[in-house]
Amino acid sequence: MIYGDSVEAKEHLDSAGWFPGINLTKASSSLVAKFQQSLGGGGADALAIPREWTRQDNTLLAATFSVELSSAEAKPLIAAFTRTLSVDRGNIKIIEIRRIQNTAMWQSCKANTVRPAHRHNHHPTAFLFG
């Protein structure tokens, strides 16, 4: 990858990756309003991270955090996991749950599930768990 202010760097960034720089522009207020409307009118709240998440100093990086096994967050995860087991569930002991937090990926996922769900009148998690 090429970094810097050189002509070569600019040409590389303008044509590389999934979102080449040549296709990007600063969003106008009308474009932002249209995007917020596509999220169901929730605006930034529609992209808010889950309240269970641990505060991170750098939200640009993914991080892992331990989830207390007796917490309200863990109980549905444990139930969903144990339903997938084909062995005697009494012999299984869950010793730890780790949550991977990645704010940028979360918001991208929310934007791509909330908009279609809003468009088709479905709850967004139906795409993930329904």
Protein backbone atom coordinates (compact mmCIF):
# COMPACT_ATOMS: atom_id res chain seq x y z
CA MET A 1 0.00 0.00 0.00
CA ILE A 2 1.22 3.48 -0.78
CA TYR A 3 0.84 6.31 1.72
CA GLY A 4 1.70 9.95 1.29
CA ASP A 5 0.84 13.03 -0.72
CA SER A 6 2.58 12.03 -3.93
CA VAL A 7 0.80 11.88 -7.29
CA GLU A 8 1.40 8.13 -7.27
CA ALA A 9 -0.27 7.80 -3.85
CA LYS A 10 -3.29 9.84 -4.99
CA GLU A 11 -3.68 7.76 -8.15
CA HIS A 12 -3.46 4.57 -6.09
CA LEU A 13 -6.10 5.74 -3.58
CA ASP A 14 -8.36 6.95 -6.39
CA SER A 15 -8.49 3.50 -7.97
CA ALA A 16 -7.86 0.97 -5.17
CA GLY A 17 -10.06 -0.98 -2.79
CA TRP A 18 -13.77 -1.62 -2.55
CA PHE A 19 -14.53 2.09 -2.42
CA PRO A 20 -12.03 3.82 -4.70
CA GLY A 21 -11.47 7.41 -3.69
CA ILE A 22 -12.53 8.61 -7.13
CA ASN A 23 -16.09 7.46 -6.29
CA LEU A 24 -16.20 9.21 -2.91
CA THR A 25 -17.36 12.71 -2.14
CA LYS A 26 -18.32 14.65 0.96
CA ALA A 27 -21.99 14.02 1.75
CA SER A 28 -24.31 16.98 1.34
CA SER A 29 -26.92 17.73 4.03
CA SER A 30 -29.69 16.57 1.68
CA LEU A 31 -27.87 13.27 1.08
CA VAL A 32 -27.41 12.78 4.84
CA ALA A 33 -31.12 13.51 5.39
CA LYS A 34 -32.05 10.97 2.72
CA PHE A 35 -29.78 8.37 4.35
CA GLN A 36 -31.32 9.06 7.78
CA GLN A 37 -34.79 8.65 6.28
CA SER A 38 -33.72 5.29 4.81
CA LEU A 39 -32.82 4.24 8.38
CA GLY A 40 -36.39 4.83 9.47
CA GLY A 41 -35.86 8.43 10.54
CA GLY A 42 -33.77 7.36 13.52
CA GLY A 43 -30.67 9.16 12.31
CA ALA A 44 -27.58 8.51 14.39
CA ASP A 45 -29.67 6.60 16.97
CA ALA A 46 -30.27 3.89 14.36
CA LEU A 47 -26.51 3.33 14.24
CA ALA A 48 -25.92 3.53 18.00
CA ILE A 49 -23.81 0.76 19.48
CA PRO A 50 -25.48 -1.65 21.93
CA ARG A 51 -25.70 -0.31 25.48
CA GLU A 52 -24.06 -3.51 26.78
CA TRP A 53 -20.83 -2.70 25.00
CA THR A 54 -17.81 -1.67 27.02
CA ARG A 55 -16.45 1.84 26.48
CA GLN A 56 -13.48 1.88 24.09
CA ASP A 57 -10.83 4.57 23.81
CA ASN A 58 -10.30 3.84 20.11
CA THR A 59 -13.49 2.85 18.29
CA LEU A 60 -11.61 2.44 15.02
CA LEU A 61 -10.11 -0.82 16.27
CA ALA A 62 -11.84 -4.08 17.11
CA ALA A 63 -11.48 -5.29 20.69
CA THR A 64 -12.68 -8.24 22.76
CA PHE A 65 -14.36 -8.08 26.16
CA SER A 66 -15.50 -10.72 28.61
CA VAL A 67 -19.27 -11.11 29.11
CA GLU A 68 -20.43 -12.09 32.59
CA LEU A 69 -22.12 -15.50 32.27
CA SER A 70 -24.97 -14.52 34.60
CA SER A 71 -25.74 -11.25 32.75
CA ALA A 72 -28.85 -10.47 30.72
CA GLU A 73 -26.57 -10.24 27.66
CA ALA A 74 -25.19 -13.77 28.14
CA LYS A 75 -28.41 -15.66 28.90
CA PRO A 76 -29.90 -15.59 25.35
CA LEU A 77 -26.47 -16.38 23.88
CA ILE A 78 -26.10 -19.42 26.11
CA ALA A 79 -29.65 -20.57 25.29
CA ALA A 80 -29.08 -20.17 21.54
CA PHE A 81 -25.77 -22.02 21.72
CA THR A 82 -27.13 -24.93 23.76
CA ARG A 83 -30.04 -25.38 21.32
CA THR A 84 -27.47 -26.19 18.62
CA LEU A 85 -25.90 -29.04 20.60
CA SER A 86 -26.66 -32.60 19.57
CA VAL A 87 -25.05 -34.08 22.69
CA ASP A 88 -26.34 -34.24 26.25
CA ARG A 89 -26.54 -30.58 27.25
CA GLY A 90 -25.96 -31.43 30.91
CA ASN A 91 -22.37 -32.41 30.12
CA ILE A 92 -21.50 -29.04 28.59
CA LYS A 93 -20.11 -26.24 30.76
CA ILE A 94 -19.63 -22.81 29.23
CA ILE A 95 -16.64 -21.21 30.88
CA GLU A 96 -16.41 -17.89 29.05
CA ILE A 97 -18.11 -15.68 26.51
CA ARG A 98 -16.08 -13.02 24.73
CA ARG A 99 -17.72 -10.17 22.85
CA ILE A 100 -15.94 -8.75 19.81
CA GLN A 101 -16.64 -5.04 19.51
CA ASN A 102 -16.02 -3.30 16.22
CA THR A 103 -17.90 -0.02 16.01
CA ALA A 104 -17.31 0.59 12.30
CA MET A 105 -18.45 -2.91 11.34
CA TRP A 106 -21.45 -2.67 13.68
CA GLN A 107 -22.60 0.57 12.11
CA SER A 108 -22.07 -0.79 8.60
CA CYS A 109 -24.09 -3.88 9.47
CA LYS A 110 -26.87 -1.79 11.06
CA ALA A 111 -27.05 0.49 8.03
CA ASN A 112 -27.35 -2.53 5.75
CA THR A 113 -30.00 -4.32 7.86
CA VAL A 114 -32.09 -1.40 9.08
CA ARG A 115 -32.65 0.10 5.63
CA PRO A 116 -34.01 -3.09 3.97
CA ALA A 117 -36.00 -3.95 7.12
CA HIS A 118 -37.55 -0.48 7.18
CA ARG A 119 -38.32 -0.72 3.49
CA HIS A 120 -40.08 -4.08 3.95
CA ASN A 121 -41.61 -3.39 7.39
CA HIS A 122 -39.56 -6.07 9.21
CA HIS A 123 -37.65 -5.87 12.46
CA PRO A 124 -33.90 -5.66 11.64
CA THR A 125 -32.92 -8.66 13.77
CA ALA A 126 -35.26 -10.88 11.73
CA PHE A 127 -32.52 -10.90 9.08
CA LEU A 128 -30.00 -12.14 11.63
CA PHE A 129 -32.04 -14.54 13.78
CA GLY A 130 -35.39 -15.04 12.02
